[in-house]
N, C-alpha and C. Protein backbone atom coordinates (compact mmCIF):
# COMPACT_ATOMS: atom_id res chain seq x y z
N MET A 1 -204.51 61.85 56.16
CA MET A 1 -204.51 62.96 57.11
C MET A 1 -204.56 63.96 56.50
N GLN A 2 -204.22 64.39 55.61
CA GLN A 2 -204.17 65.21 54.54
C GLN A 2 -205.57 65.88 54.63
N LYS A 3 -206.98 65.10 54.12
CA LYS A 3 -208.34 65.72 54.13
C LYS A 3 -208.57 66.09 55.26
N ARG A 4 -208.33 65.19 56.62
CA ARG A 4 -208.55 65.74 58.18
C ARG A 4 -207.84 67.51 58.06
N LEU A 5 -206.78 67.46 58.31
CA LEU A 5 -205.99 69.00 57.99
C LEU A 5 -206.66 70.05 57.05
N LEU A 6 -207.37 69.19 56.15
CA LEU A 6 -208.06 70.79 55.63
C LEU A 6 -209.55 70.33 56.12
N PHE A 7 -210.08 70.03 56.52
CA PHE A 7 -211.05 70.11 57.38
C PHE A 7 -210.79 70.84 58.79
N LEU A 8 -210.28 70.72 59.39
CA LEU A 8 -209.65 71.17 60.21
C LEU A 8 -209.16 72.99 60.13
N GLU A 9 -208.69 73.13 59.03
CA GLU A 9 -208.17 74.35 58.32
C GLU A 9 -209.47 75.51 58.18
N GLN A 10 -210.57 74.75 57.62
CA GLN A 10 -211.79 75.15 57.38
C GLN A 10 -212.99 75.64 58.62
N TYR A 11 -212.95 74.56 59.51
CA TYR A 11 -213.84 74.40 60.99
C TYR A 11 -213.13 75.67 61.60
N ASN A 12 -211.62 75.43 61.74
CA ASN A 12 -210.62 76.46 62.70
C ASN A 12 -211.53 77.92 61.94
N ALA A 13 -211.56 78.03 61.43
CA ALA A 13 -211.63 79.25 60.30
C ALA A 13 -213.01 79.88 60.10
N LEU A 14 -214.02 79.17 60.16
CA LEU A 14 -215.59 79.24 60.27
C LEU A 14 -215.77 79.33 62.01
N HIS A 15 -214.83 78.83 62.75
CA HIS A 15 -215.42 78.99 64.25
C HIS A 15 -214.40 79.86 65.13
N LYS A 16 -213.12 80.64 64.65
CA LYS A 16 -212.17 81.09 64.92
C LYS A 16 -211.59 80.41 65.47
N THR A 17 -211.65 79.43 65.79
CA THR A 17 -210.64 78.68 67.14
C THR A 17 -208.54 78.47 66.81
N ALA A 18 -208.34 78.98 67.66
CA ALA A 18 -207.08 79.69 68.08
C ALA A 18 -206.36 78.13 67.75
N ASN A 19 -205.88 78.52 66.58
CA ASN A 19 -204.62 76.91 65.96
C ASN A 19 -203.83 77.70 65.26
N VAL A 20 -202.72 76.88 65.20
CA VAL A 20 -201.58 76.99 64.13
C VAL A 20 -201.54 77.23 63.16
N SER A 21 -200.86 78.40 62.24
CA SER A 21 -201.44 78.68 61.01
C SER A 21 -200.62 77.04 60.26
N ARG A 22 -200.47 76.66 58.44
CA ARG A 22 -200.41 75.82 58.31
C ARG A 22 -199.06 75.87 57.97
N VAL A 23 -198.86 76.63 57.71
CA VAL A 23 -196.85 77.03 57.53
C VAL A 23 -196.10 76.54 58.42
N THR A 24 -196.86 76.88 60.13
CA THR A 24 -196.54 77.01 61.51
C THR A 24 -196.44 75.20 61.17
N GLY A 25 -197.74 74.38 60.79
CA GLY A 25 -197.38 73.07 61.11
C GLY A 25 -196.87 72.46 60.25
N GLU A 26 -196.33 73.10 59.22
CA GLU A 26 -195.41 72.58 58.05
C GLU A 26 -193.73 72.30 58.99
N PHE A 27 -193.75 73.36 59.87
CA PHE A 27 -192.58 74.14 60.78
C PHE A 27 -192.28 73.60 61.63
N LEU A 28 -193.41 72.80 62.21
CA LEU A 28 -193.29 71.92 63.96
C LEU A 28 -192.61 70.83 62.73
N LEU A 29 -193.58 70.03 61.77
CA LEU A 29 -193.28 68.99 61.90
C LEU A 29 -191.68 68.95 61.08
N PHE A 30 -191.06 70.14 60.19
CA PHE A 30 -189.89 69.93 59.72
C PHE A 30 -189.11 69.76 61.25
N LEU A 31 -189.25 71.01 62.42
CA LEU A 31 -188.06 70.43 63.60
C LEU A 31 -188.64 69.21 64.18
N THR A 32 -189.50 68.45 63.87
CA THR A 32 -189.36 67.32 64.56
C THR A 32 -188.97 66.06 63.47
N GLN A 33 -188.86 66.17 62.24
CA GLN A 33 -188.16 64.54 61.61
C GLN A 33 -186.54 65.48 61.88
N LEU A 34 -186.15 66.90 61.88
CA LEU A 34 -185.27 67.64 61.75
C LEU A 34 -184.68 66.75 63.16
N ARG A 35 -185.28 66.81 64.28
CA ARG A 35 -184.62 66.38 65.83
C ARG A 35 -185.13 64.44 65.25
N LYS A 36 -185.36 64.37 64.72
CA LYS A 36 -185.31 62.90 64.89
C LYS A 36 -186.37 62.27 66.15
N ALA A 37 -187.39 62.96 66.61
CA ALA A 37 -187.71 63.02 68.06
C ALA A 37 -188.85 61.64 67.60
N LYS A 38 -188.24 60.59 68.94
CA LYS A 38 -189.64 59.51 68.90
C LYS A 38 -190.87 59.99 69.70
N ARG A 39 -191.13 60.65 70.40
CA ARG A 39 -192.21 61.10 70.96
C ARG A 39 -192.14 62.60 71.22
N VAL A 40 -193.39 63.19 71.42
CA VAL A 40 -193.54 64.40 71.25
C VAL A 40 -194.39 64.91 72.45
N LEU A 41 -194.41 65.69 73.33
CA LEU A 41 -195.45 65.97 74.07
C LEU A 41 -196.01 67.40 73.76
N GLU A 42 -197.21 67.76 73.22
CA GLU A 42 -198.45 68.74 73.12
C GLU A 42 -199.04 69.04 74.14
N ILE A 43 -198.09 70.13 74.34
CA ILE A 43 -199.58 70.79 75.60
C ILE A 43 -200.44 72.21 75.01
N GLY A 44 -202.07 71.78 74.94
CA GLY A 44 -203.52 72.35 74.10
C GLY A 44 -203.02 72.25 73.38
N THR A 45 -204.17 70.90 72.79
CA THR A 45 -204.62 70.01 71.95
C THR A 45 -205.20 71.58 70.67
N SER A 46 -206.18 71.92 71.52
CA SER A 46 -206.99 72.51 70.81
C SER A 46 -207.64 71.61 69.83
N THR A 47 -207.82 71.64 68.40
CA THR A 47 -208.93 70.37 67.46
C THR A 47 -208.13 69.50 66.93
N GLY A 48 -206.66 69.76 67.30
CA GLY A 48 -205.84 68.74 67.14
C GLY A 48 -205.05 68.54 65.99
N TYR A 49 -205.11 69.94 64.98
CA TYR A 49 -204.55 70.64 64.27
C TYR A 49 -202.63 70.15 63.82
N SER A 50 -202.38 71.00 65.06
CA SER A 50 -200.70 71.16 65.36
C SER A 50 -200.74 69.46 65.74
N THR A 51 -201.22 69.13 66.59
CA THR A 51 -200.91 67.62 66.27
C THR A 51 -200.58 66.45 65.20
N LEU A 52 -202.19 66.77 64.34
CA LEU A 52 -201.99 65.92 63.30
C LEU A 52 -200.73 66.24 62.43
N TRP A 53 -199.82 67.49 62.53
CA TRP A 53 -198.36 67.93 61.81
C TRP A 53 -197.25 67.24 62.29
N PHE A 54 -197.62 67.08 64.04
CA PHE A 54 -196.53 65.94 64.77
C PHE A 54 -196.24 64.51 64.27
N ALA A 55 -197.83 64.12 64.32
CA ALA A 55 -198.01 62.65 63.97
C ALA A 55 -197.39 61.88 62.53
N GLN A 56 -197.09 63.61 61.96
CA GLN A 56 -196.85 63.01 60.17
C GLN A 56 -195.55 62.69 60.48
N SER A 57 -194.94 62.72 61.53
CA SER A 57 -193.36 62.76 61.49
C SER A 57 -193.07 61.38 62.13
N GLY A 58 -193.88 60.31 62.56
CA GLY A 58 -193.74 59.13 62.91
C GLY A 58 -193.39 58.55 64.29
N ALA A 59 -193.58 60.26 64.82
CA ALA A 59 -193.29 59.91 65.97
C ALA A 59 -194.52 59.51 67.04
N GLU A 60 -194.54 59.58 68.36
CA GLU A 60 -195.42 58.92 69.05
C GLU A 60 -195.67 59.71 69.50
N VAL A 61 -197.22 60.88 69.75
CA VAL A 61 -197.76 61.61 70.01
C VAL A 61 -198.38 62.35 71.35
N HIS A 62 -198.56 62.34 72.22
CA HIS A 62 -198.76 62.78 73.96
C HIS A 62 -199.38 64.19 73.44
N THR A 63 -201.13 64.28 73.67
CA THR A 63 -201.68 65.75 73.68
C THR A 63 -202.11 66.42 74.58
N ILE A 64 -202.22 67.08 75.43
CA ILE A 64 -203.36 67.42 76.67
C ILE A 64 -203.95 68.76 76.31
N GLU A 65 -205.36 68.37 76.82
CA GLU A 65 -206.74 69.75 76.46
C GLU A 65 -207.43 69.80 77.98
N ARG A 66 -207.87 70.70 78.29
CA ARG A 66 -208.92 70.37 79.67
C ARG A 66 -209.70 71.11 78.86
N ARG A 67 -209.79 71.76 77.40
CA ARG A 67 -211.53 71.80 77.01
C ARG A 67 -212.46 70.81 76.73
N VAL A 68 -213.59 70.87 77.19
CA VAL A 68 -214.14 69.49 76.92
C VAL A 68 -214.75 69.66 75.66
N ASP A 69 -215.43 70.91 75.09
CA ASP A 69 -215.27 70.97 73.61
C ASP A 69 -214.90 70.38 72.59
N ARG A 70 -213.71 71.48 72.60
CA ARG A 70 -212.01 70.73 71.67
C ARG A 70 -211.65 69.18 72.10
N VAL A 71 -211.89 68.82 72.81
CA VAL A 71 -211.58 67.55 73.33
C VAL A 71 -211.93 66.58 71.70
N ALA A 72 -213.79 66.50 71.90
CA ALA A 72 -214.26 65.78 71.51
C ALA A 72 -214.00 65.54 69.66
N LEU A 73 -213.65 66.99 69.27
CA LEU A 73 -213.42 67.16 67.56
C LEU A 73 -211.56 66.49 67.33
N ALA A 74 -210.86 67.02 68.38
CA ALA A 74 -209.52 66.32 68.34
C ALA A 74 -210.03 64.38 68.72
N ARG A 75 -210.43 64.08 69.08
CA ARG A 75 -210.41 62.84 69.76
C ARG A 75 -211.39 62.09 68.41
N GLU A 76 -212.17 62.72 67.73
CA GLU A 76 -211.93 62.69 66.18
C GLU A 76 -211.40 62.20 65.22
N SER A 77 -210.77 63.70 65.21
CA SER A 77 -209.56 63.61 64.68
C SER A 77 -208.90 62.80 64.59
N PHE A 78 -208.61 62.31 65.34
CA PHE A 78 -207.47 61.25 65.86
C PHE A 78 -208.26 59.58 65.85
N SER A 79 -209.17 59.43 65.26
CA SER A 79 -209.72 58.13 66.05
C SER A 79 -208.97 57.16 65.16
N GLU A 80 -208.24 57.60 63.80
CA GLU A 80 -207.85 55.82 62.85
C GLU A 80 -206.11 56.45 63.36
N ILE A 81 -205.69 57.27 64.09
CA ILE A 81 -204.15 57.15 63.74
C ILE A 81 -203.37 56.87 65.40
N SER A 82 -202.82 55.58 65.00
CA SER A 82 -202.56 54.94 66.66
C SER A 82 -201.68 55.85 67.21
N THR A 83 -200.81 56.31 67.13
CA THR A 83 -199.22 56.98 67.61
C THR A 83 -199.78 58.21 68.18
N ILE A 84 -201.07 58.38 68.22
CA ILE A 84 -201.62 59.44 69.30
C ILE A 84 -202.24 59.47 70.18
N THR A 85 -201.74 60.07 71.44
CA THR A 85 -202.56 59.05 72.45
C THR A 85 -203.24 61.04 73.27
N LEU A 86 -204.57 61.37 73.50
CA LEU A 86 -205.07 62.57 73.77
C LEU A 86 -204.97 62.21 75.16
N HIS A 87 -204.95 63.16 76.20
CA HIS A 87 -205.04 63.11 77.42
C HIS A 87 -205.87 64.47 78.06
N GLU A 88 -207.19 63.88 78.79
CA GLU A 88 -208.14 65.20 78.77
C GLU A 88 -207.78 65.48 80.25
N GLY A 89 -207.78 66.87 80.67
CA GLY A 89 -208.02 67.54 81.46
C GLY A 89 -206.73 68.32 82.01
N ASP A 90 -206.31 68.81 83.49
CA ASP A 90 -205.47 69.81 83.80
C ASP A 90 -203.70 69.05 83.41
N ALA A 91 -203.31 69.96 82.72
CA ALA A 91 -201.77 69.84 82.19
C ALA A 91 -200.91 69.49 83.25
N LEU A 92 -201.09 70.17 84.24
CA LEU A 92 -199.90 70.27 85.34
C LEU A 92 -200.15 68.85 86.17
N GLN A 93 -201.13 68.85 86.11
CA GLN A 93 -201.76 67.49 86.87
C GLN A 93 -201.77 65.74 85.90
N ILE A 94 -201.48 66.01 84.83
CA ILE A 94 -201.27 65.45 84.16
C ILE A 94 -199.61 64.82 83.77
N ILE A 95 -198.98 65.80 83.83
CA ILE A 95 -197.84 65.60 83.51
C ILE A 95 -197.06 65.00 84.15
N PRO A 96 -197.22 65.00 85.58
CA PRO A 96 -196.22 63.98 86.12
C PRO A 96 -196.74 62.84 86.05
N LEU A 97 -197.68 62.01 85.75
CA LEU A 97 -198.29 60.71 85.47
C LEU A 97 -197.62 60.18 84.27
N LEU A 98 -197.15 60.99 83.09
CA LEU A 98 -196.63 60.09 81.74
C LEU A 98 -195.19 59.68 82.26
N PRO A 99 -195.28 58.44 81.03
CA PRO A 99 -194.37 58.11 81.25
C PRO A 99 -193.24 57.63 80.43
N GLY A 100 -192.12 57.46 80.65
CA GLY A 100 -191.06 57.56 79.36
C GLY A 100 -190.73 59.16 79.02
N LEU A 101 -189.64 59.28 78.30
CA LEU A 101 -189.03 60.60 78.00
C LEU A 101 -189.63 61.43 76.54
N PHE A 102 -189.24 62.27 75.98
CA PHE A 102 -190.13 63.06 75.54
C PHE A 102 -188.70 63.66 74.25
N ASP A 103 -188.81 63.73 73.03
CA ASP A 103 -187.62 65.00 72.61
C ASP A 103 -188.27 65.93 71.77
N VAL A 104 -189.46 65.81 72.44
CA VAL A 104 -189.86 67.70 71.50
C VAL A 104 -191.16 68.31 73.09
N LEU A 105 -190.86 69.02 73.46
CA LEU A 105 -192.40 70.18 73.78
C LEU A 105 -192.96 70.86 73.21
N PHE A 106 -194.28 70.77 73.09
CA PHE A 106 -195.00 72.21 72.51
C PHE A 106 -195.81 72.37 73.44
N LEU A 107 -195.81 73.93 73.67
CA LEU A 107 -196.34 74.52 74.20
C LEU A 107 -197.36 75.23 73.61
N ASP A 108 -198.97 75.45 73.60
CA ASP A 108 -199.82 76.40 73.36
C ASP A 108 -201.06 75.87 73.90
N ALA A 109 -201.11 76.30 75.44
CA ALA A 109 -202.17 76.07 76.19
C ALA A 109 -201.86 77.79 76.89
N THR A 110 -202.25 77.53 78.06
CA THR A 110 -202.77 78.82 79.00
C THR A 110 -201.36 79.48 78.75
N LYS A 111 -201.17 81.33 78.13
CA LYS A 111 -200.34 81.46 77.77
C LYS A 111 -199.38 81.44 79.49
N ARG A 112 -199.95 82.14 80.51
CA ARG A 112 -199.53 82.49 82.03
C ARG A 112 -198.81 80.72 82.40
N GLU A 113 -199.10 80.03 81.99
CA GLU A 113 -198.69 78.97 82.41
C GLU A 113 -197.81 78.02 81.99
N TYR A 114 -197.00 78.58 80.53
CA TYR A 114 -195.97 78.44 80.12
C TYR A 114 -194.52 77.54 80.72
N LEU A 115 -194.68 78.47 82.18
CA LEU A 115 -193.03 78.53 82.66
C LEU A 115 -193.46 76.97 84.04
N SER A 116 -194.53 77.26 84.07
CA SER A 116 -195.28 76.15 84.73
C SER A 116 -195.40 74.33 84.07
N TYR A 117 -195.91 74.76 82.90
CA TYR A 117 -195.60 73.45 81.93
C TYR A 117 -194.17 72.82 82.08
N PHE A 118 -193.42 73.85 81.60
CA PHE A 118 -192.05 73.51 81.05
C PHE A 118 -190.94 72.44 82.33
N ARG A 119 -191.30 73.66 83.57
CA ARG A 119 -190.93 72.81 85.14
C ARG A 119 -191.37 71.86 85.38
N ALA A 120 -192.79 71.35 85.45
CA ALA A 120 -193.50 70.36 85.43
C ALA A 120 -193.08 69.22 84.38
N ALA A 121 -192.44 69.80 83.08
CA ALA A 121 -192.43 68.78 81.98
C ALA A 121 -190.59 68.23 81.89
N TYR A 122 -189.80 69.11 83.03
CA TYR A 122 -188.34 69.00 82.60
C TYR A 122 -187.91 67.88 82.92
N THR A 123 -188.33 67.10 83.83
CA THR A 123 -188.22 66.15 83.93
C THR A 123 -188.47 64.56 83.04
N ILE A 124 -189.11 64.38 82.40
CA ILE A 124 -189.64 63.65 81.46
C ILE A 124 -189.10 64.16 79.87
N LEU A 125 -188.06 65.44 79.87
CA LEU A 125 -187.66 65.92 78.89
C LEU A 125 -186.38 64.87 78.41
N SER A 126 -185.87 64.64 77.50
CA SER A 126 -184.68 63.72 77.25
C SER A 126 -183.95 64.73 76.84
N PRO A 127 -182.36 64.45 77.29
CA PRO A 127 -181.32 65.40 77.23
C PRO A 127 -181.06 65.60 75.55
N GLY A 128 -181.32 67.30 75.33
CA GLY A 128 -181.07 67.24 73.95
C GLY A 128 -182.38 68.01 73.53
N ALA A 129 -183.23 67.54 73.87
CA ALA A 129 -185.34 67.75 74.12
C ALA A 129 -185.10 69.74 73.08
N LEU A 130 -186.54 69.33 72.48
CA LEU A 130 -186.24 70.27 71.46
C LEU A 130 -187.68 71.22 71.88
N ILE A 131 -187.50 72.49 72.35
CA ILE A 131 -188.84 73.18 73.35
C ILE A 131 -189.36 74.10 72.43
N ILE A 132 -190.46 74.25 72.01
CA ILE A 132 -191.15 75.12 70.63
C ILE A 132 -192.07 75.51 71.77
N ALA A 133 -192.14 76.82 71.71
CA ALA A 133 -193.57 77.79 72.62
C ALA A 133 -194.27 78.37 71.71
N ASP A 134 -195.60 78.62 71.12
CA ASP A 134 -196.16 79.35 70.71
C ASP A 134 -196.68 80.80 71.05
N ASN A 135 -196.76 81.57 70.13
CA ASN A 135 -197.77 83.00 70.75
C ASN A 135 -196.79 84.00 71.20
N VAL A 136 -195.25 84.15 70.76
CA VAL A 136 -194.59 85.01 71.52
C VAL A 136 -194.36 86.04 70.70
N ILE A 137 -194.88 86.56 69.77
CA ILE A 137 -195.42 87.66 69.81
C ILE A 137 -196.74 87.91 69.66
N SER A 138 -197.78 87.31 69.85
CA SER A 138 -199.25 87.85 70.20
C SER A 138 -199.58 87.59 71.63
N HIS A 139 -199.05 87.06 72.15
CA HIS A 139 -198.90 87.32 73.76
C HIS A 139 -197.94 87.33 74.62
N ARG A 140 -197.34 87.97 74.01
CA ARG A 140 -195.70 88.35 74.97
C ARG A 140 -195.96 88.33 76.22
N GLU A 141 -196.90 89.40 76.50
CA GLU A 141 -197.23 89.87 77.39
C GLU A 141 -197.37 88.49 78.63
N LYS A 142 -198.51 88.18 78.26
CA LYS A 142 -198.80 86.77 78.84
C LYS A 142 -197.59 85.81 79.60
N MET A 143 -196.54 85.75 78.42
CA MET A 143 -195.79 84.90 78.98
C MET A 143 -194.33 85.37 79.59
N HIS A 144 -194.70 86.82 79.71
CA HIS A 144 -193.07 87.72 80.23
C HIS A 144 -192.69 86.29 81.24
N ASP A 145 -192.82 85.67 82.25
CA ASP A 145 -191.94 84.81 82.93
C ASP A 145 -190.78 84.01 82.38
N PHE A 146 -191.80 83.23 81.92
CA PHE A 146 -191.52 82.13 80.67
C PHE A 146 -190.29 82.63 80.23
N LEU A 147 -190.57 84.33 78.99
CA LEU A 147 -189.27 84.45 78.36
C LEU A 147 -188.36 84.52 79.18
N GLU A 148 -188.11 85.62 80.09
CA GLU A 148 -187.28 85.66 80.52
C GLU A 148 -186.36 84.82 81.36
N PHE A 149 -187.21 83.79 81.97
CA PHE A 149 -186.55 82.27 82.33
C PHE A 149 -185.56 81.46 80.70
N VAL A 150 -186.16 81.28 80.29
CA VAL A 150 -185.68 81.05 78.49
C VAL A 150 -184.28 81.71 78.05
N HIS A 151 -184.47 82.92 78.48
CA HIS A 151 -184.05 83.51 77.60
C HIS A 151 -182.46 84.04 78.40
N SER A 152 -182.99 83.82 79.97
CA SER A 152 -181.99 83.67 80.71
C SER A 152 -180.60 82.41 80.98
N THR A 153 -180.99 81.39 80.62
CA THR A 153 -181.04 80.42 81.16
C THR A 153 -180.61 78.98 79.86
N TYR A 154 -181.10 79.66 78.64
CA TYR A 154 -180.62 78.66 77.02
C TYR A 154 -180.72 79.97 76.10
N PHE A 155 -179.39 79.03 75.21
CA PHE A 155 -179.65 80.16 73.90
C PHE A 155 -180.97 79.98 73.06
N ALA A 156 -181.93 80.78 73.07
CA ALA A 156 -183.08 80.73 72.76
C ALA A 156 -183.34 81.72 71.18
N VAL A 157 -184.23 81.04 70.47
CA VAL A 157 -184.33 81.56 69.26
C VAL A 157 -185.84 82.32 68.73
N GLU A 158 -186.46 83.76 68.59
CA GLU A 158 -187.53 83.48 68.48
C GLU A 158 -187.89 84.13 67.09
N ILE A 159 -189.10 83.41 66.47
CA ILE A 159 -188.77 83.43 65.45
C ILE A 159 -190.64 84.23 64.64
N THR A 160 -190.67 85.26 63.63
CA THR A 160 -192.18 85.64 63.84
C THR A 160 -192.63 84.59 62.54
N LEU A 161 -192.79 83.39 62.85
CA LEU A 161 -193.64 82.31 61.84
C LEU A 161 -195.09 82.52 62.75
N GLY A 162 -196.28 82.73 62.00
CA GLY A 162 -197.39 83.15 62.54
C GLY A 162 -197.79 83.58 63.95
N SER A 163 -197.99 83.46 64.79
CA SER A 163 -197.78 84.02 66.06
C SER A 163 -196.94 84.48 66.85
N GLY A 164 -195.84 83.77 66.29
CA GLY A 164 -194.30 83.53 66.73
C GLY A 164 -194.09 82.67 67.81
N LEU A 165 -192.65 82.50 67.79
CA LEU A 165 -192.68 81.07 68.10
C LEU A 165 -191.26 81.11 68.71
N ILE A 166 -190.83 80.35 69.78
CA ILE A 166 -189.16 81.12 71.08
C ILE A 166 -188.61 79.19 70.80
N ILE A 167 -187.91 78.67 69.68
CA ILE A 167 -187.50 77.32 69.91
C ILE A 167 -186.24 77.58 70.80
N PHE A 168 -185.62 76.18 71.14
CA PHE A 168 -184.51 75.66 72.39
C PHE A 168 -184.02 74.78 72.14
N SER A 169 -183.25 74.20 72.93
CA SER A 169 -183.26 72.72 73.27
C SER A 169 -182.18 72.86 74.86
N LEU A 170 -182.64 71.77 75.68
CA LEU A 170 -181.86 71.15 76.41
C LEU A 170 -180.78 71.06 76.16
N PRO A 171 -180.20 71.47 77.18
CA PRO A 171 -178.39 70.64 76.41
C PRO A 171 -178.38 69.65 76.96
N LYS A 172 -177.27 68.54 76.06
CA LYS A 172 -177.33 66.56 76.50
C LYS A 172 -176.95 66.60 77.93
N ASN A 173 -176.18 67.24 78.80
CA ASN A 173 -176.34 67.17 79.92
C ASN A 173 -177.39 67.55 81.46
N LYS A 174 -178.42 68.52 80.62
CA LYS A 174 -179.64 68.61 80.98
C LYS A 174 -179.61 68.75 82.03
N ASP A 175 -178.59 69.50 83.05
CA ASP A 175 -178.86 70.29 84.30
C ASP A 175 -179.38 71.29 84.48
N LEU A 176 -179.45 71.76 85.22
CA LEU A 176 -180.29 73.10 84.96
C LEU A 176 -179.31 73.94 86.01
């Protein structure tokens, strides 16, 4: 898996694809292991770089990507990893069809849709699920409604790692 991560780092730099940094990937792995996540839902696969970091935790990873050009490269990256399921299409249509509960939700797709993605995924998130959203520094204005909702509803932490992350967890009783 390390060879594939290195390949994607080079590919992403050359083609200027939007992916998390290596240090952000390592942090995502750390958080997933800390949460002892059994299942991860990632919205916004891109080339699959962050997906590979999540997969190293041993969790089952479901990832959603709508861009056909990105799906092909991601599918190739995951070809030998049985714990990753790649869903191609619109996340808002796919999320309601996913079975089971997820322990981690990672948002890294269309920034204006973060609140919609979170609301769509809410019913399939386990009590105490960890939610991580990328680009809160670089694209803050595009996710204003999401950030306002999160800060008014949950205790959330924003960190300046990479393009900025916001991290919060659902309560154990999970009622909104």
